[in-house]
Protein backbone atom coordinates (compact mmCIF):
# COMPACT_ATOMS: atom_id res chain seq x y z
CA MET A 1 3.51 24.92 -16.24
CA ALA A 2 3.67 20.91 -15.06
CA GLN A 3 1.63 19.89 -12.69
CA GLN A 4 2.80 18.42 -9.37
CA THR A 5 2.54 14.90 -8.69
CA THR A 6 0.48 13.85 -6.26
CA PHE A 7 1.50 11.60 -3.74
CA SER A 8 -0.69 8.67 -4.67
CA GLU A 9 1.31 8.99 -8.33
CA GLU A 10 4.68 8.41 -7.02
CA ILE A 11 3.73 5.47 -5.07
CA SER A 12 2.14 4.09 -8.20
CA ASN A 13 5.08 5.24 -10.43
CA MET A 14 7.20 2.91 -8.11
CA LEU A 15 4.96 -0.13 -9.03
CA SER A 16 5.89 -0.07 -12.21
CA THR A 17 7.25 -3.72 -12.26
CA ALA A 18 4.60 -5.28 -10.26
CA HIS A 19 2.12 -7.45 -11.28
CA GLY A 20 -1.34 -6.77 -11.00
CA SER A 21 -3.62 -3.89 -10.94
CA SER A 22 -3.05 -0.52 -9.23
CA PHE A 23 -4.21 0.24 -5.83
CA LYS A 24 -6.47 2.34 -7.18
CA ALA A 25 -8.24 -0.78 -8.10
CA CYS A 26 -9.20 -1.58 -4.47
CA ILE A 27 -12.92 -2.27 -3.68
CA GLN A 28 -12.16 -2.32 0.24
CA CYS A 29 -13.76 -5.82 0.69
CA GLY A 30 -10.81 -6.80 3.71
CA SER A 31 -9.43 -10.02 2.43
CA CYS A 32 -5.93 -8.24 3.01
CA THR A 33 -6.59 -7.28 6.60
CA GLY A 34 -8.74 -10.21 7.34
CA THR A 35 -5.34 -12.90 6.00
CA CYS A 36 -2.56 -10.97 7.68
CA PRO A 37 -0.80 -12.51 10.25
CA VAL A 38 1.01 -9.52 11.45
CA VAL A 39 -2.17 -6.74 11.25
CA GLU A 40 -2.48 -6.94 14.92
CA PHE A 41 1.25 -5.38 15.62
CA MET A 42 0.07 -2.48 12.35
CA ASP A 43 -1.36 0.64 13.57
CA GLN A 44 -3.66 0.59 10.49
CA SER A 45 -5.10 -2.10 8.54
CA PRO A 46 -3.83 -2.90 4.65
CA ARG A 47 -7.01 -2.02 3.91
CA ARG A 48 -6.82 1.39 5.75
CA ILE A 49 -3.60 1.75 3.62
CA MET A 50 -5.28 1.09 0.42
CA ALA A 51 -7.63 3.88 1.01
CA MET A 52 -5.68 6.46 2.44
CA LEU A 53 -3.26 5.83 -0.87
CA ASN A 54 -6.58 6.42 -2.93
CA ALA A 55 -7.15 9.72 -0.40
CA ASN A 56 -3.58 10.60 -0.84
CA LEU A 57 -3.24 11.26 2.42
CA LYS A 58 0.76 11.38 2.29
CA ASP A 59 1.18 12.38 5.65
CA GLU A 60 -1.29 9.90 7.14
CA VAL A 61 0.95 7.02 5.33
CA LEU A 62 3.91 8.05 5.87
CA ASP A 63 3.59 8.21 9.78
CA CYS A 64 1.91 4.93 10.60
CA ASN A 65 4.03 1.53 10.88
CA THR A 66 1.88 -0.40 8.92
CA TYR A 67 4.47 -1.21 5.69
CA TRP A 68 7.45 -1.81 7.90
CA PHE A 69 5.67 -4.33 9.74
CA CYS A 70 4.23 -6.50 6.98
CA SER A 71 6.13 -9.40 6.57
CA SER A 72 6.23 -10.01 2.58
CA CYS A 73 4.39 -13.01 3.12
CA TYR A 74 1.85 -12.43 0.14
CA HIS A 75 -1.34 -13.63 2.10
CA CYS A 76 -2.86 -10.09 0.92
CA THR A 77 -1.14 -10.09 -2.86
CA VAL A 78 -3.03 -13.80 -2.89
CA ARG A 79 -6.22 -13.44 -1.71
CA CYS A 80 -6.96 -9.95 -3.26
CA PRO A 81 -10.04 -10.08 -5.44
CA ALA A 82 -8.96 -6.87 -7.43
CA ASP A 83 -5.28 -8.39 -7.87
CA ILE A 84 -3.30 -6.13 -6.52
CA ASP A 85 -0.15 -6.84 -5.72
CA ILE A 86 -0.55 -5.42 -2.19
CA THR A 87 2.87 -6.81 -0.50
CA GLU A 88 4.85 -5.07 -3.28
CA VAL A 89 2.99 -1.29 -2.35
CA MET A 90 3.93 -2.18 1.11
CA SER A 91 7.27 -2.33 -0.43
CA ALA A 92 6.97 0.92 -2.28
CA LEU A 93 6.30 2.45 0.55
CA LYS A 94 9.18 1.38 2.93
CA ARG A 95 11.19 2.47 -0.66
CA TYR A 96 9.18 5.73 -0.49
CA SER A 97 9.87 6.22 2.86
CA ILE A 98 13.50 5.48 3.07
CA GLY A 99 14.41 8.51 0.25
CA GLN A 100 12.31 11.08 2.05
CA LYS A 101 14.52 10.96 4.86
């Protein structure tokens, strides 16, 4: 019997074209949140989204507005010491969310 794919695996699979490390490599340093120009409009910080993804909290991630407010400026991606393409993670979450409707 085939195992069901988890939410974090589904998002990870959507990142196959992204460069850099998987979001699973996040060290929770906060660089993404500290450099985000639109974090004040988000209900969860990018750092928190990474933690929620790693904890496989699908409903909590999909219920927040964070990825919709991402301006795709790449500040977080450029400054990430774990080399995670956070901007692409936010884009994947948008695509996933649209596909769920």
